Amino acid sequence: LSEVITHGENRSPDEMLTVIAIVV
């Protein structure tokens, strides 16, 4: 069995809106 390979990260939709509200 291979080792664990990760891709991406967990993010909630609210966090995405917060990021947009700050970055834009």
PDBML (XML) file of the C-alpha atoms, coordinates in Angstrom:
<?xml version="1.0" encoding="UTF-8" ?>
<PDBx:datablock datablockName="MODEL"
   xmlns:PDBx="http://pdbml.pdb.org/schema/pdbx-v50.xsd"
   xmlns:xsi="http://www.w3.org/2001/XMLSchema-instance"
   xsi:schemaLocation="http://pdbml.pdb.org/schema/pdbx-v50.xsd pdbx-v50.xsd">
   <PDBx:atom_siteCategory>
      <PDBx:atom_site id="1">
         <PDBx:B_iso_or_equiv>0.00</PDBx:B_iso_or_equiv>
         <PDBx:Cartn_x>0.000</PDBx:Cartn_x>
         <PDBx:Cartn_y>0.000</PDBx:Cartn_y>
         <PDBx:Cartn_z>0.000</PDBx:Cartn_z>
         <PDBx:auth_asym_id>A</PDBx:auth_asym_id>
         <PDBx:auth_atom_id>CA</PDBx:auth_atom_id>
         <PDBx:auth_comp_id>LEU</PDBx:auth_comp_id>
         <PDBx:auth_seq_id>1</PDBx:auth_seq_id>
         <PDBx:group_PDB>ATOM</PDBx:group_PDB>
         <PDBx:label_alt_id xsi:nil="true" />
         <PDBx:label_asym_id>A</PDBx:label_asym_id>
         <PDBx:label_atom_id>CA</PDBx:label_atom_id>
         <PDBx:label_comp_id>LEU</PDBx:label_comp_id>
         <PDBx:label_entity_id>1</PDBx:label_entity_id>
         <PDBx:label_seq_id>1</PDBx:label_seq_id>
         <PDBx:occupancy>1.00</PDBx:occupancy>
         <PDBx:pdbx_PDB_model_num>1</PDBx:pdbx_PDB_model_num>
         <PDBx:type_symbol>C</PDBx:type_symbol>
      </PDBx:atom_site>
      <PDBx:atom_site id="2">
         <PDBx:B_iso_or_equiv>0.00</PDBx:B_iso_or_equiv>
         <PDBx:Cartn_x>1.398</PDBx:Cartn_x>
         <PDBx:Cartn_y>3.372</PDBx:Cartn_y>
         <PDBx:Cartn_z>-0.980</PDBx:Cartn_z>
         <PDBx:auth_asym_id>A</PDBx:auth_asym_id>
         <PDBx:auth_atom_id>CA</PDBx:auth_atom_id>
         <PDBx:auth_comp_id>SER</PDBx:auth_comp_id>
         <PDBx:auth_seq_id>2</PDBx:auth_seq_id>
         <PDBx:group_PDB>ATOM</PDBx:group_PDB>
         <PDBx:label_alt_id xsi:nil="true" />
         <PDBx:label_asym_id>A</PDBx:label_asym_id>
         <PDBx:label_atom_id>CA</PDBx:label_atom_id>
         <PDBx:label_comp_id>SER</PDBx:label_comp_id>
         <PDBx:label_entity_id>1</PDBx:label_entity_id>
         <PDBx:label_seq_id>2</PDBx:label_seq_id>
         <PDBx:occupancy>1.00</PDBx:occupancy>
         <PDBx:pdbx_PDB_model_num>1</PDBx:pdbx_PDB_model_num>
         <PDBx:type_symbol>C</PDBx:type_symbol>
      </PDBx:atom_site>
      <PDBx:atom_site id="3">
         <PDBx:B_iso_or_equiv>0.00</PDBx:B_iso_or_equiv>
         <PDBx:Cartn_x>2.043</PDBx:Cartn_x>
         <PDBx:Cartn_y>6.247</PDBx:Cartn_y>
         <PDBx:Cartn_z>1.364</PDBx:Cartn_z>
         <PDBx:auth_asym_id>A</PDBx:auth_asym_id>
         <PDBx:auth_atom_id>CA</PDBx:auth_atom_id>
         <PDBx:auth_comp_id>GLU</PDBx:auth_comp_id>
         <PDBx:auth_seq_id>3</PDBx:auth_seq_id>
         <PDBx:group_PDB>ATOM</PDBx:group_PDB>
         <PDBx:label_alt_id xsi:nil="true" />
         <PDBx:label_asym_id>A</PDBx:label_asym_id>
         <PDBx:label_atom_id>CA</PDBx:label_atom_id>
         <PDBx:label_comp_id>GLU</PDBx:label_comp_id>
         <PDBx:label_entity_id>1</PDBx:label_entity_id>
         <PDBx:label_seq_id>3</PDBx:label_seq_id>
         <PDBx:occupancy>1.00</PDBx:occupancy>
         <PDBx:pdbx_PDB_model_num>1</PDBx:pdbx_PDB_model_num>
         <PDBx:type_symbol>C</PDBx:type_symbol>
      </PDBx:atom_site>
      <PDBx:atom_site id="4">
         <PDBx:B_iso_or_equiv>0.00</PDBx:B_iso_or_equiv>
         <PDBx:Cartn_x>-0.650</PDBx:Cartn_x>
         <PDBx:Cartn_y>8.895</PDBx:Cartn_y>
         <PDBx:Cartn_z>1.740</PDBx:Cartn_z>
         <PDBx:auth_asym_id>A</PDBx:auth_asym_id>
         <PDBx:auth_atom_id>CA</PDBx:auth_atom_id>
         <PDBx:auth_comp_id>VAL</PDBx:auth_comp_id>
         <PDBx:auth_seq_id>4</PDBx:auth_seq_id>
         <PDBx:group_PDB>ATOM</PDBx:group_PDB>
         <PDBx:label_alt_id xsi:nil="true" />
         <PDBx:label_asym_id>A</PDBx:label_asym_id>
         <PDBx:label_atom_id>CA</PDBx:label_atom_id>
         <PDBx:label_comp_id>VAL</PDBx:label_comp_id>
         <PDBx:label_entity_id>1</PDBx:label_entity_id>
         <PDBx:label_seq_id>4</PDBx:label_seq_id>
         <PDBx:occupancy>1.00</PDBx:occupancy>
         <PDBx:pdbx_PDB_model_num>1</PDBx:pdbx_PDB_model_num>
         <PDBx:type_symbol>C</PDBx:type_symbol>
      </PDBx:atom_site>
      <PDBx:atom_site id="5">
         <PDBx:B_iso_or_equiv>0.00</PDBx:B_iso_or_equiv>
         <PDBx:Cartn_x>-0.610</PDBx:Cartn_x>
         <PDBx:Cartn_y>11.479</PDBx:Cartn_y>
         <PDBx:Cartn_z>-1.069</PDBx:Cartn_z>
         <PDBx:auth_asym_id>A</PDBx:auth_asym_id>
         <PDBx:auth_atom_id>CA</PDBx:auth_atom_id>
         <PDBx:auth_comp_id>ILE</PDBx:auth_comp_id>
         <PDBx:auth_seq_id>5</PDBx:auth_seq_id>
         <PDBx:group_PDB>ATOM</PDBx:group_PDB>
         <PDBx:label_alt_id xsi:nil="true" />
         <PDBx:label_asym_id>A</PDBx:label_asym_id>
         <PDBx:label_atom_id>CA</PDBx:label_atom_id>
         <PDBx:label_comp_id>ILE</PDBx:label_comp_id>
         <PDBx:label_entity_id>1</PDBx:label_entity_id>
         <PDBx:label_seq_id>5</PDBx:label_seq_id>
         <PDBx:occupancy>1.00</PDBx:occupancy>
         <PDBx:pdbx_PDB_model_num>1</PDBx:pdbx_PDB_model_num>
         <PDBx:type_symbol>C</PDBx:type_symbol>
      </PDBx:atom_site>
      <PDBx:atom_site id="6">
         <PDBx:B_iso_or_equiv>0.00</PDBx:B_iso_or_equiv>
         <PDBx:Cartn_x>-2.436</PDBx:Cartn_x>
         <PDBx:Cartn_y>14.770</PDBx:Cartn_y>
         <PDBx:Cartn_z>-0.383</PDBx:Cartn_z>
         <PDBx:auth_asym_id>A</PDBx:auth_asym_id>
         <PDBx:auth_atom_id>CA</PDBx:auth_atom_id>
         <PDBx:auth_comp_id>THR</PDBx:auth_comp_id>
         <PDBx:auth_seq_id>6</PDBx:auth_seq_id>
         <PDBx:group_PDB>ATOM</PDBx:group_PDB>
         <PDBx:label_alt_id xsi:nil="true" />
         <PDBx:label_asym_id>A</PDBx:label_asym_id>
         <PDBx:label_atom_id>CA</PDBx:label_atom_id>
         <PDBx:label_comp_id>THR</PDBx:label_comp_id>
         <PDBx:label_entity_id>1</PDBx:label_entity_id>
         <PDBx:label_seq_id>6</PDBx:label_seq_id>
         <PDBx:occupancy>1.00</PDBx:occupancy>
         <PDBx:pdbx_PDB_model_num>1</PDBx:pdbx_PDB_model_num>
         <PDBx:type_symbol>C</PDBx:type_symbol>
      </PDBx:atom_site>
      <PDBx:atom_site id="7">
         <PDBx:B_iso_or_equiv>0.00</PDBx:B_iso_or_equiv>
         <PDBx:Cartn_x>-3.840</PDBx:Cartn_x>
         <PDBx:Cartn_y>17.300</PDBx:Cartn_y>
         <PDBx:Cartn_z>-2.846</PDBx:Cartn_z>
         <PDBx:auth_asym_id>A</PDBx:auth_asym_id>
         <PDBx:auth_atom_id>CA</PDBx:auth_atom_id>
         <PDBx:auth_comp_id>HIS</PDBx:auth_comp_id>
         <PDBx:auth_seq_id>7</PDBx:auth_seq_id>
         <PDBx:group_PDB>ATOM</PDBx:group_PDB>
         <PDBx:label_alt_id xsi:nil="true" />
         <PDBx:label_asym_id>A</PDBx:label_asym_id>
         <PDBx:label_atom_id>CA</PDBx:label_atom_id>
         <PDBx:label_comp_id>HIS</PDBx:label_comp_id>
         <PDBx:label_entity_id>1</PDBx:label_entity_id>
         <PDBx:label_seq_id>7</PDBx:label_seq_id>
         <PDBx:occupancy>1.00</PDBx:occupancy>
         <PDBx:pdbx_PDB_model_num>1</PDBx:pdbx_PDB_model_num>
         <PDBx:type_symbol>C</PDBx:type_symbol>
      </PDBx:atom_site>
      <PDBx:atom_site id="8">
         <PDBx:B_iso_or_equiv>0.00</PDBx:B_iso_or_equiv>
         <PDBx:Cartn_x>-5.553</PDBx:Cartn_x>
         <PDBx:Cartn_y>20.622</PDBx:Cartn_y>
         <PDBx:Cartn_z>-2.057</PDBx:Cartn_z>
         <PDBx:auth_asym_id>A</PDBx:auth_asym_id>
         <PDBx:auth_atom_id>CA</PDBx:auth_atom_id>
         <PDBx:auth_comp_id>GLY</PDBx:auth_comp_id>
         <PDBx:auth_seq_id>8</PDBx:auth_seq_id>
         <PDBx:group_PDB>ATOM</PDBx:group_PDB>
         <PDBx:label_alt_id xsi:nil="true" />
         <PDBx:label_asym_id>A</PDBx:label_asym_id>
         <PDBx:label_atom_id>CA</PDBx:label_atom_id>
         <PDBx:label_comp_id>GLY</PDBx:label_comp_id>
         <PDBx:label_entity_id>1</PDBx:label_entity_id>
         <PDBx:label_seq_id>8</PDBx:label_seq_id>
         <PDBx:occupancy>1.00</PDBx:occupancy>
         <PDBx:pdbx_PDB_model_num>1</PDBx:pdbx_PDB_model_num>
         <PDBx:type_symbol>C</PDBx:type_symbol>
      </PDBx:atom_site>
      <PDBx:atom_site id="9">
         <PDBx:B_iso_or_equiv>0.00</PDBx:B_iso_or_equiv>
         <PDBx:Cartn_x>-6.873</PDBx:Cartn_x>
         <PDBx:Cartn_y>21.723</PDBx:Cartn_y>
         <PDBx:Cartn_z>1.325</PDBx:Cartn_z>
         <PDBx:auth_asym_id>A</PDBx:auth_asym_id>
         <PDBx:auth_atom_id>CA</PDBx:auth_atom_id>
         <PDBx:auth_comp_id>GLU</PDBx:auth_comp_id>
         <PDBx:auth_seq_id>9</PDBx:auth_seq_id>
         <PDBx:group_PDB>ATOM</PDBx:group_PDB>
         <PDBx:label_alt_id xsi:nil="true" />
         <PDBx:label_asym_id>A</PDBx:label_asym_id>
         <PDBx:label_atom_id>CA</PDBx:label_atom_id>
         <PDBx:label_comp_id>GLU</PDBx:label_comp_id>
         <PDBx:label_entity_id>1</PDBx:label_entity_id>
         <PDBx:label_seq_id>9</PDBx:label_seq_id>
         <PDBx:occupancy>1.00</PDBx:occupancy>
         <PDBx:pdbx_PDB_model_num>1</PDBx:pdbx_PDB_model_num>
         <PDBx:type_symbol>C</PDBx:type_symbol>
      </PDBx:atom_site>
      <PDBx:atom_site id="10">
         <PDBx:B_iso_or_equiv>0.00</PDBx:B_iso_or_equiv>
         <PDBx:Cartn_x>-10.161</PDBx:Cartn_x>
         <PDBx:Cartn_y>21.882</PDBx:Cartn_y>
         <PDBx:Cartn_z>3.179</PDBx:Cartn_z>
         <PDBx:auth_asym_id>A</PDBx:auth_asym_id>
         <PDBx:auth_atom_id>CA</PDBx:auth_atom_id>
         <PDBx:auth_comp_id>ASN</PDBx:auth_comp_id>
         <PDBx:auth_seq_id>10</PDBx:auth_seq_id>
         <PDBx:group_PDB>ATOM</PDBx:group_PDB>
         <PDBx:label_alt_id xsi:nil="true" />
         <PDBx:label_asym_id>A</PDBx:label_asym_id>
         <PDBx:label_atom_id>CA</PDBx:label_atom_id>
         <PDBx:label_comp_id>ASN</PDBx:label_comp_id>
         <PDBx:label_entity_id>1</PDBx:label_entity_id>
         <PDBx:label_seq_id>10</PDBx:label_seq_id>
         <PDBx:occupancy>1.00</PDBx:occupancy>
         <PDBx:pdbx_PDB_model_num>1</PDBx:pdbx_PDB_model_num>
         <PDBx:type_symbol>C</PDBx:type_symbol>
      </PDBx:atom_site>
      <PDBx:atom_site id="11">
         <PDBx:B_iso_or_equiv>0.00</PDBx:B_iso_or_equiv>
         <PDBx:Cartn_x>-11.916</PDBx:Cartn_x>
         <PDBx:Cartn_y>25.261</PDBx:Cartn_y>
         <PDBx:Cartn_z>2.890</PDBx:Cartn_z>
         <PDBx:auth_asym_id>A</PDBx:auth_asym_id>
         <PDBx:auth_atom_id>CA</PDBx:auth_atom_id>
         <PDBx:auth_comp_id>ARG</PDBx:auth_comp_id>
         <PDBx:auth_seq_id>11</PDBx:auth_seq_id>
         <PDBx:group_PDB>ATOM</PDBx:group_PDB>
         <PDBx:label_alt_id xsi:nil="true" />
         <PDBx:label_asym_id>A</PDBx:label_asym_id>
         <PDBx:label_atom_id>CA</PDBx:label_atom_id>
         <PDBx:label_comp_id>ARG</PDBx:label_comp_id>
         <PDBx:label_entity_id>1</PDBx:label_entity_id>
         <PDBx:label_seq_id>11</PDBx:label_seq_id>
         <PDBx:occupancy>1.00</PDBx:occupancy>
         <PDBx:pdbx_PDB_model_num>1</PDBx:pdbx_PDB_model_num>
         <PDBx:type_symbol>C</PDBx:type_symbol>
      </PDBx:atom_site>
      <PDBx:atom_site id="12">
         <PDBx:B_iso_or_equiv>0.00</PDBx:B_iso_or_equiv>
         <PDBx:Cartn_x>-15.523</PDBx:Cartn_x>
         <PDBx:Cartn_y>26.184</PDBx:Cartn_y>
         <PDBx:Cartn_z>3.637</PDBx:Cartn_z>
         <PDBx:auth_asym_id>A</PDBx:auth_asym_id>
         <PDBx:auth_atom_id>CA</PDBx:auth_atom_id>
         <PDBx:auth_comp_id>SER</PDBx:auth_comp_id>
         <PDBx:auth_seq_id>12</PDBx:auth_seq_id>
         <PDBx:group_PDB>ATOM</PDBx:group_PDB>
         <PDBx:label_alt_id xsi:nil="true" />
         <PDBx:label_asym_id>A</PDBx:label_asym_id>
         <PDBx:label_atom_id>CA</PDBx:label_atom_id>
         <PDBx:label_comp_id>SER</PDBx:label_comp_id>
         <PDBx:label_entity_id>1</PDBx:label_entity_id>
         <PDBx:label_seq_id>12</PDBx:label_seq_id>
         <PDBx:occupancy>1.00</PDBx:occupancy>
         <PDBx:pdbx_PDB_model_num>1</PDBx:pdbx_PDB_model_num>
         <PDBx:type_symbol>C</PDBx:type_symbol>
      </PDBx:atom_site>
      <PDBx:atom_site id="13">
         <PDBx:B_iso_or_equiv>0.00</PDBx:B_iso_or_equiv>
         <PDBx:Cartn_x>-17.507</PDBx:Cartn_x>
         <PDBx:Cartn_y>28.464</PDBx:Cartn_y>
         <PDBx:Cartn_z>1.236</PDBx:Cartn_z>
         <PDBx:auth_asym_id>A</PDBx:auth_asym_id>
         <PDBx:auth_atom_id>CA</PDBx:auth_atom_id>
         <PDBx:auth_comp_id>PRO</PDBx:auth_comp_id>
         <PDBx:auth_seq_id>13</PDBx:auth_seq_id>
         <PDBx:group_PDB>ATOM</PDBx:group_PDB>
         <PDBx:label_alt_id xsi:nil="true" />
         <PDBx:label_asym_id>A</PDBx:label_asym_id>
         <PDBx:label_atom_id>CA</PDBx:label_atom_id>
         <PDBx:label_comp_id>PRO</PDBx:label_comp_id>
         <PDBx:label_entity_id>1</PDBx:label_entity_id>
         <PDBx:label_seq_id>13</PDBx:label_seq_id>
         <PDBx:occupancy>1.00</PDBx:occupancy>
         <PDBx:pdbx_PDB_model_num>1</PDBx:pdbx_PDB_model_num>
         <PDBx:type_symbol>C</PDBx:type_symbol>
      </PDBx:atom_site>
      <PDBx:atom_site id="14">
         <PDBx:B_iso_or_equiv>0.00</PDBx:B_iso_or_equiv>
         <PDBx:Cartn_x>-17.688</PDBx:Cartn_x>
         <PDBx:Cartn_y>31.175</PDBx:Cartn_y>
         <PDBx:Cartn_z>3.966</PDBx:Cartn_z>
         <PDBx:auth_asym_id>A</PDBx:auth_asym_id>
         <PDBx:auth_atom_id>CA</PDBx:auth_atom_id>
         <PDBx:auth_comp_id>ASP</PDBx:auth_comp_id>
         <PDBx:auth_seq_id>14</PDBx:auth_seq_id>
         <PDBx:group_PDB>ATOM</PDBx:group_PDB>
         <PDBx:label_alt_id xsi:nil="true" />
         <PDBx:label_asym_id>A</PDBx:label_asym_id>
         <PDBx:label_atom_id>CA</PDBx:label_atom_id>
         <PDBx:label_comp_id>ASP</PDBx:label_comp_id>
         <PDBx:label_entity_id>1</PDBx:label_entity_id>
         <PDBx:label_seq_id>14</PDBx:label_seq_id>
         <PDBx:occupancy>1.00</PDBx:occupancy>
         <PDBx:pdbx_PDB_model_num>1</PDBx:pdbx_PDB_model_num>
         <PDBx:type_symbol>C</PDBx:type_symbol>
      </PDBx:atom_site>
      <PDBx:atom_site id="15">
         <PDBx:B_iso_or_equiv>0.00</PDBx:B_iso_or_equiv>
         <PDBx:Cartn_x>-13.925</PDBx:Cartn_x>
         <PDBx:Cartn_y>31.203</PDBx:Cartn_y>
         <PDBx:Cartn_z>4.159</PDBx:Cartn_z>
         <PDBx:auth_asym_id>A</PDBx:auth_asym_id>
         <PDBx:auth_atom_id>CA</PDBx:auth_atom_id>
         <PDBx:auth_comp_id>GLU</PDBx:auth_comp_id>
         <PDBx:auth_seq_id>15</PDBx:auth_seq_id>
         <PDBx:group_PDB>ATOM</PDBx:group_PDB>
         <PDBx:label_alt_id xsi:nil="true" />
         <PDBx:label_asym_id>A</PDBx:label_asym_id>
         <PDBx:label_atom_id>CA</PDBx:label_atom_id>
         <PDBx:label_comp_id>GLU</PDBx:label_comp_id>
         <PDBx:label_entity_id>1</PDBx:label_entity_id>
         <PDBx:label_seq_id>15</PDBx:label_seq_id>
         <PDBx:occupancy>1.00</PDBx:occupancy>
         <PDBx:pdbx_PDB_model_num>1</PDBx:pdbx_PDB_model_num>
         <PDBx:type_symbol>C</PDBx:type_symbol>
      </PDBx:atom_site>
      <PDBx:atom_site id="16">
         <PDBx:B_iso_or_equiv>0.00</PDBx:B_iso_or_equiv>
         <PDBx:Cartn_x>-13.751</PDBx:Cartn_x>
         <PDBx:Cartn_y>31.699</PDBx:Cartn_y>
         <PDBx:Cartn_z>0.418</PDBx:Cartn_z>
         <PDBx:auth_asym_id>A</PDBx:auth_asym_id>
         <PDBx:auth_atom_id>CA</PDBx:auth_atom_id>
         <PDBx:auth_comp_id>MET</PDBx:auth_comp_id>
         <PDBx:auth_seq_id>16</PDBx:auth_seq_id>
         <PDBx:group_PDB>ATOM</PDBx:group_PDB>
         <PDBx:label_alt_id xsi:nil="true" />
         <PDBx:label_asym_id>A</PDBx:label_asym_id>
         <PDBx:label_atom_id>CA</PDBx:label_atom_id>
         <PDBx:label_comp_id>MET</PDBx:label_comp_id>
         <PDBx:label_entity_id>1</PDBx:label_entity_id>
         <PDBx:label_seq_id>16</PDBx:label_seq_id>
         <PDBx:occupancy>1.00</PDBx:occupancy>
         <PDBx:pdbx_PDB_model_num>1</PDBx:pdbx_PDB_model_num>
         <PDBx:type_symbol>C</PDBx:type_symbol>
      </PDBx:atom_site>
      <PDBx:atom_site id="17">
         <PDBx:B_iso_or_equiv>0.00</PDBx:B_iso_or_equiv>
         <PDBx:Cartn_x>-16.115</PDBx:Cartn_x>
         <PDBx:Cartn_y>34.708</PDBx:Cartn_y>
         <PDBx:Cartn_z>0.599</PDBx:Cartn_z>
         <PDBx:auth_asym_id>A</PDBx:auth_asym_id>
         <PDBx:auth_atom_id>CA</PDBx:auth_atom_id>
         <PDBx:auth_comp_id>LEU</PDBx:auth_comp_id>
         <PDBx:auth_seq_id>17</PDBx:auth_seq_id>
         <PDBx:group_PDB>ATOM</PDBx:group_PDB>
         <PDBx:label_alt_id xsi:nil="true" />
         <PDBx:label_asym_id>A</PDBx:label_asym_id>
         <PDBx:label_atom_id>CA</PDBx:label_atom_id>
         <PDBx:label_comp_id>LEU</PDBx:label_comp_id>
         <PDBx:label_entity_id>1</PDBx:label_entity_id>
         <PDBx:label_seq_id>17</PDBx:label_seq_id>
         <PDBx:occupancy>1.00</PDBx:occupancy>
         <PDBx:pdbx_PDB_model_num>1</PDBx:pdbx_PDB_model_num>
         <PDBx:type_symbol>C</PDBx:type_symbol>
      </PDBx:atom_site>
      <PDBx:atom_site id="18">
         <PDBx:B_iso_or_equiv>0.00</PDBx:B_iso_or_equiv>
         <PDBx:Cartn_x>-14.049</PDBx:Cartn_x>
         <PDBx:Cartn_y>36.144</PDBx:Cartn_y>
         <PDBx:Cartn_z>3.429</PDBx:Cartn_z>
         <PDBx:auth_asym_id>A</PDBx:auth_asym_id>
         <PDBx:auth_atom_id>CA</PDBx:auth_atom_id>
         <PDBx:auth_comp_id>THR</PDBx:auth_comp_id>
         <PDBx:auth_seq_id>18</PDBx:auth_seq_id>
         <PDBx:group_PDB>ATOM</PDBx:group_PDB>
         <PDBx:label_alt_id xsi:nil="true" />
         <PDBx:label_asym_id>A</PDBx:label_asym_id>
         <PDBx:label_atom_id>CA</PDBx:label_atom_id>
         <PDBx:label_comp_id>THR</PDBx:label_comp_id>
         <PDBx:label_entity_id>1</PDBx:label_entity_id>
         <PDBx:label_seq_id>18</PDBx:label_seq_id>
         <PDBx:occupancy>1.00</PDBx:occupancy>
         <PDBx:pdbx_PDB_model_num>1</PDBx:pdbx_PDB_model_num>
         <PDBx:type_symbol>C</PDBx:type_symbol>
      </PDBx:atom_site>
      <PDBx:atom_site id="19">
         <PDBx:B_iso_or_equiv>0.00</PDBx:B_iso_or_equiv>
         <PDBx:Cartn_x>-10.898</PDBx:Cartn_x>
         <PDBx:Cartn_y>35.775</PDBx:Cartn_y>
         <PDBx:Cartn_z>1.389</PDBx:Cartn_z>
         <PDBx:auth_asym_id>A</PDBx:auth_asym_id>
         <PDBx:auth_atom_id>CA</PDBx:auth_atom_id>
         <PDBx:auth_comp_id>VAL</PDBx:auth_comp_id>
         <PDBx:auth_seq_id>19</PDBx:auth_seq_id>
         <PDBx:group_PDB>ATOM</PDBx:group_PDB>
         <PDBx:label_alt_id xsi:nil="true" />
         <PDBx:label_asym_id>A</PDBx:label_asym_id>
         <PDBx:label_atom_id>CA</PDBx:label_atom_id>
         <PDBx:label_comp_id>VAL</PDBx:label_comp_id>
         <PDBx:label_entity_id>1</PDBx:label_entity_id>
         <PDBx:label_seq_id>19</PDBx:label_seq_id>
         <PDBx:occupancy>1.00</PDBx:occupancy>
         <PDBx:pdbx_PDB_model_num>1</PDBx:pdbx_PDB_model_num>
         <PDBx:type_symbol>C</PDBx:type_symbol>
      </PDBx:atom_site>
      <PDBx:atom_site id="20">
         <PDBx:B_iso_or_equiv>0.00</PDBx:B_iso_or_equiv>
         <PDBx:Cartn_x>-12.571</PDBx:Cartn_x>
         <PDBx:Cartn_y>37.479</PDBx:Cartn_y>
         <PDBx:Cartn_z>-1.568</PDBx:Cartn_z>
         <PDBx:auth_asym_id>A</PDBx:auth_asym_id>
         <PDBx:auth_atom_id>CA</PDBx:auth_atom_id>
         <PDBx:auth_comp_id>ILE</PDBx:auth_comp_id>
         <PDBx:auth_seq_id>20</PDBx:auth_seq_id>
         <PDBx:group_PDB>ATOM</PDBx:group_PDB>
         <PDBx:label_alt_id xsi:nil="true" />
         <PDBx:label_asym_id>A</PDBx:label_asym_id>
         <PDBx:label_atom_id>CA</PDBx:label_atom_id>
         <PDBx:label_comp_id>ILE</PDBx:label_comp_id>
         <PDBx:label_entity_id>1</PDBx:label_entity_id>
         <PDBx:label_seq_id>20</PDBx:label_seq_id>
         <PDBx:occupancy>1.00</PDBx:occupancy>
         <PDBx:pdbx_PDB_model_num>1</PDBx:pdbx_PDB_model_num>
         <PDBx:type_symbol>C</PDBx:type_symbol>
      </PDBx:atom_site>
      <PDBx:atom_site id="21">
         <PDBx:B_iso_or_equiv>0.00</PDBx:B_iso_or_equiv>
         <PDBx:Cartn_x>-13.887</PDBx:Cartn_x>
         <PDBx:Cartn_y>40.315</PDBx:Cartn_y>
         <PDBx:Cartn_z>0.634</PDBx:Cartn_z>
         <PDBx:auth_asym_id>A</PDBx:auth_asym_id>
         <PDBx:auth_atom_id>CA</PDBx:auth_atom_id>
         <PDBx:auth_comp_id>ALA</PDBx:auth_comp_id>
         <PDBx:auth_seq_id>21</PDBx:auth_seq_id>
         <PDBx:group_PDB>ATOM</PDBx:group_PDB>
         <PDBx:label_alt_id xsi:nil="true" />
         <PDBx:label_asym_id>A</PDBx:label_asym_id>
         <PDBx:label_atom_id>CA</PDBx:label_atom_id>
         <PDBx:label_comp_id>ALA</PDBx:label_comp_id>
         <PDBx:label_entity_id>1</PDBx:label_entity_id>
         <PDBx:label_seq_id>21</PDBx:label_seq_id>
         <PDBx:occupancy>1.00</PDBx:occupancy>
         <PDBx:pdbx_PDB_model_num>1</PDBx:pdbx_PDB_model_num>
         <PDBx:type_symbol>C</PDBx:type_symbol>
      </PDBx:atom_site>
      <PDBx:atom_site id="22">
         <PDBx:B_iso_or_equiv>0.00</PDBx:B_iso_or_equiv>
         <PDBx:Cartn_x>-10.376</PDBx:Cartn_x>
         <PDBx:Cartn_y>40.961</PDBx:Cartn_y>
         <PDBx:Cartn_z>1.955</PDBx:Cartn_z>
         <PDBx:auth_asym_id>A</PDBx:auth_asym_id>
         <PDBx:auth_atom_id>CA</PDBx:auth_atom_id>
         <PDBx:auth_comp_id>ILE</PDBx:auth_comp_id>
         <PDBx:auth_seq_id>22</PDBx:auth_seq_id>
         <PDBx:group_PDB>ATOM</PDBx:group_PDB>
         <PDBx:label_alt_id xsi:nil="true" />
         <PDBx:label_asym_id>A</PDBx:label_asym_id>
         <PDBx:label_atom_id>CA</PDBx:label_atom_id>
         <PDBx:label_comp_id>ILE</PDBx:label_comp_id>
         <PDBx:label_entity_id>1</PDBx:label_entity_id>
         <PDBx:label_seq_id>22</PDBx:label_seq_id>
         <PDBx:occupancy>1.00</PDBx:occupancy>
         <PDBx:pdbx_PDB_model_num>1</PDBx:pdbx_PDB_model_num>
         <PDBx:type_symbol>C</PDBx:type_symbol>
      </PDBx:atom_site>
      <PDBx:atom_site id="23">
         <PDBx:B_iso_or_equiv>0.00</PDBx:B_iso_or_equiv>
         <PDBx:Cartn_x>-8.301</PDBx:Cartn_x>
         <PDBx:Cartn_y>40.417</PDBx:Cartn_y>
         <PDBx:Cartn_z>-1.156</PDBx:Cartn_z>
         <PDBx:auth_asym_id>A</PDBx:auth_asym_id>
         <PDBx:auth_atom_id>CA</PDBx:auth_atom_id>
         <PDBx:auth_comp_id>VAL</PDBx:auth_comp_id>
         <PDBx:auth_seq_id>23</PDBx:auth_seq_id>
         <PDBx:group_PDB>ATOM</PDBx:group_PDB>
         <PDBx:label_alt_id xsi:nil="true" />
         <PDBx:label_asym_id>A</PDBx:label_asym_id>
         <PDBx:label_atom_id>CA</PDBx:label_atom_id>
         <PDBx:label_comp_id>VAL</PDBx:label_comp_id>
         <PDBx:label_entity_id>1</PDBx:label_entity_id>
         <PDBx:label_seq_id>23</PDBx:label_seq_id>
         <PDBx:occupancy>1.00</PDBx:occupancy>
         <PDBx:pdbx_PDB_model_num>1</PDBx:pdbx_PDB_model_num>
         <PDBx:type_symbol>C</PDBx:type_symbol>
      </PDBx:atom_site>
      <PDBx:atom_site id="24">
         <PDBx:B_iso_or_equiv>0.00</PDBx:B_iso_or_equiv>
         <PDBx:Cartn_x>-10.441</PDBx:Cartn_x>
         <PDBx:Cartn_y>42.291</PDBx:Cartn_y>
         <PDBx:Cartn_z>-3.692</PDBx:Cartn_z>
         <PDBx:auth_asym_id>A</PDBx:auth_asym_id>
         <PDBx:auth_atom_id>CA</PDBx:auth_atom_id>
         <PDBx:auth_comp_id>VAL</PDBx:auth_comp_id>
         <PDBx:auth_seq_id>24</PDBx:auth_seq_id>
         <PDBx:group_PDB>ATOM</PDBx:group_PDB>
         <PDBx:label_alt_id xsi:nil="true" />
         <PDBx:label_asym_id>A</PDBx:label_asym_id>
         <PDBx:label_atom_id>CA</PDBx:label_atom_id>
         <PDBx:label_comp_id>VAL</PDBx:label_comp_id>
         <PDBx:label_entity_id>1</PDBx:label_entity_id>
         <PDBx:label_seq_id>24</PDBx:label_seq_id>
         <PDBx:occupancy>1.00</PDBx:occupancy>
         <PDBx:pdbx_PDB_model_num>1</PDBx:pdbx_PDB_model_num>
         <PDBx:type_symbol>C</PDBx:type_symbol>
      </PDBx:atom_site>
   </PDBx:atom_siteCategory>
</PDBx:datablock>
